[in-house]
Amino acid sequence: MQYWRIAGLNYIQFSAACARTVRRCLKSSMAKDAMKREESYVRVNKWQGGKISDQVHAPSKPWAANILTLLVWQ
């Protein structure tokens, strides 16, 4: 079993933590651009009758990948 699974992480959480660690190790000249890539957002779409009825933009989560789209069915 992979050590990140033993720690209770899924692969997305593990890869985000690795990327964050690498960005923090960069020289300051490159770190500013790399830190911008760490930002992420979650988009939640509410579906009714086969069409999107609402879109909600949730705040950033530190464990999220660049873009995570959640579909909520009713």
N, C-alpha and C. Protein backbone atom coordinates (compact mmCIF):
# COMPACT_ATOMS: atom_id res chain seq x y z
N MET A 1 0.84 -1.19 0.00
CA MET A 1 0.00 0.00 0.00
C MET A 1 0.88 1.25 0.00
N GLN A 2 0.45 2.27 -0.71
CA GLN A 2 1.21 3.51 -0.78
C GLN A 2 1.16 4.24 0.56
N TYR A 3 2.27 4.90 0.89
CA TYR A 3 2.35 5.58 2.18
C TYR A 3 1.37 6.73 2.29
N TRP A 4 0.99 7.35 1.18
CA TRP A 4 0.03 8.45 1.26
C TRP A 4 -1.36 7.93 1.59
N ARG A 5 -1.66 6.70 1.19
CA ARG A 5 -2.95 6.11 1.58
C ARG A 5 -2.97 5.78 3.07
N ILE A 6 -1.84 5.31 3.58
CA ILE A 6 -1.74 5.00 5.01
C ILE A 6 -1.94 6.27 5.83
N ALA A 7 -1.47 7.41 5.30
CA ALA A 7 -1.62 8.69 5.99
C ALA A 7 -3.05 9.24 5.89
N GLY A 8 -3.92 8.57 5.13
CA GLY A 8 -5.31 9.00 5.02
C GLY A 8 -5.56 10.01 3.90
N LEU A 9 -4.65 10.09 2.93
CA LEU A 9 -4.80 11.03 1.82
C LEU A 9 -5.22 10.28 0.56
N ASN A 10 -5.91 10.97 -0.33
CA ASN A 10 -6.12 10.40 -1.65
C ASN A 10 -5.02 10.94 -2.57
N TYR A 11 -4.98 10.48 -3.81
CA TYR A 11 -3.88 10.87 -4.70
C TYR A 11 -3.88 12.36 -5.00
N ILE A 12 -5.05 12.95 -5.15
CA ILE A 12 -5.13 14.40 -5.43
C ILE A 12 -4.54 15.19 -4.27
N GLN A 13 -4.89 14.82 -3.04
CA GLN A 13 -4.34 15.51 -1.87
C GLN A 13 -2.83 15.35 -1.80
N PHE A 14 -2.36 14.14 -2.06
CA PHE A 14 -0.93 13.85 -2.02
C PHE A 14 -0.17 14.66 -3.07
N SER A 15 -0.66 14.66 -4.30
CA SER A 15 0.05 15.38 -5.37
C SER A 15 0.02 16.89 -5.13
N ALA A 16 -1.07 17.41 -4.56
CA ALA A 16 -1.14 18.84 -4.23
C ALA A 16 -0.12 19.20 -3.15
N ALA A 17 0.03 18.33 -2.15
CA ALA A 17 1.01 18.57 -1.08
C ALA A 17 2.43 18.53 -1.64
N CYS A 18 2.71 17.61 -2.55
CA CYS A 18 4.04 17.54 -3.18
C CYS A 18 4.33 18.80 -4.00
N ALA A 19 3.35 19.24 -4.77
CA ALA A 19 3.53 20.43 -5.60
C ALA A 19 3.75 21.66 -4.73
N ARG A 20 3.00 21.76 -3.63
CA ARG A 20 3.15 22.89 -2.70
C ARG A 20 4.55 22.90 -2.09
N THR A 21 5.06 21.73 -1.74
CA THR A 21 6.40 21.63 -1.15
C THR A 21 7.47 22.06 -2.15
N VAL A 22 7.34 21.62 -3.40
CA VAL A 22 8.31 22.00 -4.43
C VAL A 22 8.27 23.51 -4.66
N ARG A 23 7.07 24.10 -4.71
CA ARG A 23 6.97 25.55 -4.92
C ARG A 23 7.63 26.34 -3.80
N ARG A 24 7.54 25.84 -2.59
CA ARG A 24 8.14 26.53 -1.44
C ARG A 24 9.66 26.41 -1.43
N CYS A 25 10.22 25.49 -2.18
CA CYS A 25 11.68 25.30 -2.24
C CYS A 25 12.33 26.13 -3.35
N LEU A 26 11.55 26.79 -4.16
CA LEU A 26 12.11 27.57 -5.27
C LEU A 26 12.77 28.85 -4.79
N LYS A 27 13.68 29.36 -5.61
CA LYS A 27 14.29 30.66 -5.33
C LYS A 27 13.20 31.73 -5.41
N SER A 28 13.40 32.83 -4.68
CA SER A 28 12.36 33.85 -4.58
C SER A 28 11.96 34.44 -5.94
N SER A 29 12.89 34.50 -6.88
CA SER A 29 12.55 35.05 -8.20
C SER A 29 11.53 34.19 -8.94
N MET A 30 11.58 32.89 -8.74
CA MET A 30 10.64 31.99 -9.41
C MET A 30 9.45 31.65 -8.52
N ALA A 31 9.60 31.84 -7.22
CA ALA A 31 8.56 31.43 -6.27
C ALA A 31 7.27 32.23 -6.44
N LYS A 32 7.36 33.51 -6.77
CA LYS A 32 6.15 34.34 -6.90
C LYS A 32 5.23 33.80 -7.99
N ASP A 33 5.80 33.47 -9.14
CA ASP A 33 4.99 32.93 -10.23
C ASP A 33 4.43 31.56 -9.88
N ALA A 34 5.23 30.75 -9.22
CA ALA A 34 4.79 29.40 -8.86
C ALA A 34 3.69 29.43 -7.80
N MET A 35 3.76 30.37 -6.87
CA MET A 35 2.74 30.45 -5.81
C MET A 35 1.37 30.81 -6.39
N LYS A 36 1.34 31.54 -7.51
CA LYS A 36 0.07 31.86 -8.15
C LYS A 36 -0.64 30.59 -8.62
N ARG A 37 0.14 29.58 -8.99
CA ARG A 37 -0.44 28.33 -9.47
C ARG A 37 -1.05 27.51 -8.35
N GLU A 38 -0.72 27.85 -7.10
CA GLU A 38 -1.25 27.10 -5.97
C GLU A 38 -2.71 27.43 -5.71
N GLU A 39 -3.16 28.60 -6.17
CA GLU A 39 -4.54 29.00 -5.96
C GLU A 39 -5.47 28.06 -6.71
N SER A 40 -6.60 27.78 -6.12
CA SER A 40 -7.57 26.91 -6.76
C SER A 40 -8.96 27.32 -6.33
N TYR A 41 -9.95 26.80 -7.00
CA TYR A 41 -11.32 27.06 -6.61
C TYR A 41 -12.17 25.84 -6.90
N VAL A 42 -13.31 25.82 -6.27
CA VAL A 42 -14.26 24.73 -6.46
C VAL A 42 -15.51 25.33 -7.10
N ARG A 43 -15.98 24.71 -8.15
CA ARG A 43 -17.20 25.16 -8.80
C ARG A 43 -18.27 24.09 -8.59
N VAL A 44 -19.39 24.47 -8.02
CA VAL A 44 -20.49 23.55 -7.76
C VAL A 44 -21.62 23.89 -8.71
N ASN A 45 -22.06 22.93 -9.49
CA ASN A 45 -23.18 23.12 -10.41
C ASN A 45 -24.38 22.33 -9.91
N LYS A 46 -25.51 22.99 -9.80
CA LYS A 46 -26.75 22.33 -9.38
C LYS A 46 -27.56 22.04 -10.65
N TRP A 47 -27.90 20.78 -10.84
CA TRP A 47 -28.59 20.35 -12.05
C TRP A 47 -30.05 20.04 -11.75
N GLN A 48 -30.95 20.52 -12.61
CA GLN A 48 -32.37 20.17 -12.53
C GLN A 48 -32.89 19.99 -13.95
N GLY A 49 -33.53 18.90 -14.20
CA GLY A 49 -34.10 18.64 -15.52
C GLY A 49 -33.08 18.57 -16.63
N GLY A 50 -31.87 18.12 -16.32
CA GLY A 50 -30.84 17.98 -17.33
C GLY A 50 -30.10 19.26 -17.69
N LYS A 51 -30.37 20.36 -16.94
CA LYS A 51 -29.69 21.63 -17.21
C LYS A 51 -29.17 22.21 -15.90
N ILE A 52 -28.12 23.02 -16.01
CA ILE A 52 -27.57 23.68 -14.83
C ILE A 52 -28.54 24.76 -14.38
N SER A 53 -28.95 24.71 -13.10
CA SER A 53 -29.88 25.72 -12.58
C SER A 53 -29.17 26.78 -11.74
N ASP A 54 -28.13 26.41 -11.01
CA ASP A 54 -27.39 27.35 -10.16
C ASP A 54 -25.90 27.06 -10.27
N GLN A 55 -25.10 28.11 -10.15
CA GLN A 55 -23.65 27.94 -10.04
C GLN A 55 -23.21 28.66 -8.78
N VAL A 56 -22.46 27.94 -7.95
CA VAL A 56 -21.96 28.49 -6.70
C VAL A 56 -20.45 28.35 -6.71
N HIS A 57 -19.73 29.43 -6.43
CA HIS A 57 -18.27 29.38 -6.35
C HIS A 57 -17.88 29.33 -4.88
N ALA A 58 -17.38 28.20 -4.46
CA ALA A 58 -16.96 28.01 -3.07
C ALA A 58 -15.55 28.57 -2.88
N PRO A 59 -15.17 28.89 -1.64
CA PRO A 59 -13.82 29.40 -1.38
C PRO A 59 -12.76 28.34 -1.64
N SER A 60 -11.53 28.79 -1.79
CA SER A 60 -10.41 27.88 -2.06
C SER A 60 -10.20 26.90 -0.92
N LYS A 61 -9.79 25.73 -1.26
CA LYS A 61 -9.43 24.70 -0.28
C LYS A 61 -7.97 24.35 -0.49
N PRO A 62 -7.18 24.24 0.57
CA PRO A 62 -5.75 23.97 0.39
C PRO A 62 -5.45 22.62 -0.23
N TRP A 63 -6.37 21.66 -0.11
CA TRP A 63 -6.12 20.33 -0.63
C TRP A 63 -6.57 20.17 -2.07
N ALA A 64 -7.28 21.17 -2.60
CA ALA A 64 -7.88 21.02 -3.92
C ALA A 64 -6.84 21.08 -5.03
N ALA A 65 -7.14 20.41 -6.11
CA ALA A 65 -6.30 20.53 -7.30
C ALA A 65 -6.63 21.86 -7.97
N ASN A 66 -6.09 22.12 -9.13
CA ASN A 66 -6.31 23.41 -9.77
C ASN A 66 -7.79 23.73 -9.93
N ILE A 67 -8.55 22.83 -10.50
CA ILE A 67 -10.00 23.05 -10.62
C ILE A 67 -10.70 21.74 -10.29
N LEU A 68 -11.63 21.81 -9.37
CA LEU A 68 -12.41 20.64 -9.01
C LEU A 68 -13.87 20.99 -9.25
N THR A 69 -14.53 20.26 -10.10
CA THR A 69 -15.92 20.53 -10.41
C THR A 69 -16.79 19.47 -9.76
N LEU A 70 -17.73 19.90 -8.97
CA LEU A 70 -18.66 19.00 -8.31
C LEU A 70 -20.03 19.15 -8.96
N LEU A 71 -20.66 18.07 -9.25
CA LEU A 71 -21.99 18.09 -9.83
C LEU A 71 -22.98 17.64 -8.78
N VAL A 72 -23.98 18.46 -8.53
CA VAL A 72 -25.00 18.14 -7.53
C VAL A 72 -26.30 17.86 -8.27
N TRP A 73 -26.80 16.65 -8.15
CA TRP A 73 -28.03 16.25 -8.84
C TRP A 73 -29.19 16.29 -7.87
N GLN A 74 -30.34 16.75 -8.35
CA GLN A 74 -31.56 16.72 -7.54
C GLN A 74 -32.60 15.87 -8.21
